[in-house]
Amino acid sequence: MPSLEKLHQEFKNSPFALIAIDIKEDRNTVLKHIKSNGLSYTNLLDEEGTVSAMYGVSSTPIKFIIDKDGYMIGTVLGYRDWNKDEMKSLIRALIDPEAKR
């Protein structure tokens, strides 16, 4: 989660949103986790697993990359260090595909 928080901080003033969804977790447990890790990005709770089922989530963690029009353009399964340069470059390219790198 620390690398996701760093990614959020890097892109929070750009057209990028990071939203976490906790699946079938106790609300108080999630709130404690958010507070203890200093997470400032949006965290939602899918208490019954309904949203997860709609997206076919069968294992976690999983990340969905959704474009500005709401289309899912990619998925990432498993843990990643989202604070690496290549991840930041990917986000920059998705935000502005016409920009020169």
Protein backbone atom coordinates (compact mmCIF):
# COMPACT_ATOMS: atom_id res chain seq x y z
CA MET A 1 0.00 0.00 0.00
CA PRO A 2 2.83 2.50 0.56
CA SER A 3 3.74 2.44 -3.15
CA LEU A 4 0.10 3.09 -4.10
CA GLU A 5 0.02 6.03 -1.70
CA LYS A 6 3.19 7.42 -3.29
CA LEU A 7 1.67 6.98 -6.75
CA HIS A 8 -1.47 8.78 -5.58
CA GLN A 9 0.58 11.65 -4.18
CA GLU A 10 2.54 11.98 -7.42
CA PHE A 11 -0.57 12.16 -9.62
CA LYS A 12 -3.22 13.64 -7.32
CA ASN A 13 -3.27 16.96 -9.18
CA SER A 14 -3.62 15.35 -12.61
CA PRO A 15 -6.54 13.62 -14.35
CA PHE A 16 -5.85 10.38 -12.49
CA ALA A 17 -7.77 8.68 -9.71
CA LEU A 18 -6.73 5.84 -7.48
CA ILE A 19 -9.61 3.99 -5.87
CA ALA A 20 -9.17 0.94 -3.65
CA ILE A 21 -11.96 -1.53 -3.02
CA ASP A 22 -11.72 -3.85 -0.06
CA ILE A 23 -13.63 -7.07 -0.60
CA LYS A 24 -15.70 -8.69 2.14
CA GLU A 25 -13.74 -6.99 4.90
CA ASP A 26 -14.98 -5.70 8.22
CA ARG A 27 -15.50 -1.92 8.04
CA ASN A 28 -13.58 -1.23 11.26
CA THR A 29 -10.65 -3.35 10.10
CA VAL A 30 -10.48 -1.39 6.84
CA LEU A 31 -10.69 1.96 8.64
CA LYS A 32 -7.88 0.96 11.01
CA HIS A 33 -5.75 -0.15 8.06
CA ILE A 34 -6.34 3.15 6.24
CA LYS A 35 -5.46 5.18 9.30
CA SER A 36 -2.43 3.14 10.37
CA ASN A 37 -0.95 3.31 6.85
CA GLY A 38 -1.78 6.98 6.26
CA LEU A 39 -3.70 6.26 3.08
CA SER A 40 -5.26 9.33 1.49
CA TYR A 41 -6.68 7.85 -1.70
CA THR A 42 -10.31 6.76 -1.89
CA ASN A 43 -11.06 3.41 -0.26
CA LEU A 44 -14.40 1.72 -0.80
CA LEU A 45 -15.83 -1.39 0.80
CA ASP A 46 -17.51 -4.13 -1.23
CA GLU A 47 -19.08 -5.80 1.79
CA GLU A 48 -20.96 -8.53 -0.08
CA GLY A 49 -18.49 -8.99 -2.93
CA THR A 50 -21.04 -7.81 -5.50
CA VAL A 51 -18.72 -5.46 -7.39
CA SER A 52 -15.92 -8.02 -7.33
CA ALA A 53 -18.21 -10.62 -8.87
CA MET A 54 -19.26 -8.17 -11.60
CA TYR A 55 -15.61 -7.72 -12.61
CA GLY A 56 -14.77 -11.42 -12.32
CA VAL A 57 -12.32 -10.99 -9.47
CA SER A 58 -11.15 -14.45 -8.42
CA SER A 59 -7.95 -13.49 -6.58
CA THR A 60 -6.41 -10.42 -5.02
CA PRO A 61 -4.72 -8.08 -5.23
CA ILE A 62 -5.87 -7.04 -8.67
CA LYS A 63 -5.71 -3.60 -10.26
CA PHE A 64 -7.95 -2.42 -13.07
CA ILE A 65 -6.81 0.36 -15.35
CA ILE A 66 -9.83 2.27 -16.58
CA ASP A 67 -9.57 5.07 -19.11
CA LYS A 68 -11.22 8.48 -18.93
CA ASP A 69 -14.24 7.14 -20.84
CA GLY A 70 -14.80 4.35 -18.31
CA TYR A 71 -13.41 1.49 -20.40
CA MET A 72 -11.21 -1.12 -18.77
CA ILE A 73 -7.97 -1.06 -20.73
CA GLY A 74 -5.85 -3.31 -18.55
CA THR A 75 -5.53 -5.41 -15.45
CA VAL A 76 -2.60 -6.12 -13.18
CA LEU A 77 -2.69 -9.21 -10.98
CA GLY A 78 -0.48 -9.51 -7.93
CA TYR A 79 1.72 -7.15 -6.00
CA ARG A 80 3.73 -4.44 -7.76
CA ASP A 81 5.89 -1.55 -6.68
CA TRP A 82 3.79 1.29 -8.09
CA ASN A 83 6.41 3.85 -7.14
CA LYS A 84 8.85 2.70 -9.86
CA ASP A 85 9.68 4.89 -12.84
CA GLU A 86 8.16 2.46 -15.36
CA MET A 87 4.82 2.49 -13.53
CA LYS A 88 4.85 6.28 -13.40
CA SER A 89 5.68 6.38 -17.13
CA LEU A 90 2.74 4.09 -17.83
CA ILE A 91 0.37 6.40 -15.91
CA ARG A 92 1.77 9.48 -17.68
CA ALA A 93 1.28 7.79 -21.07
CA LEU A 94 -2.29 6.86 -20.20
CA ILE A 95 -3.08 10.37 -18.96
CA ASP A 96 -1.65 12.07 -22.05
CA PRO A 97 -0.82 9.64 -24.88
CA GLU A 98 0.15 12.53 -27.19
CA ALA A 99 2.81 13.94 -24.86
CA LYS A 100 6.42 13.39 -25.85
CA ARG A 101 8.48 11.42 -23.38
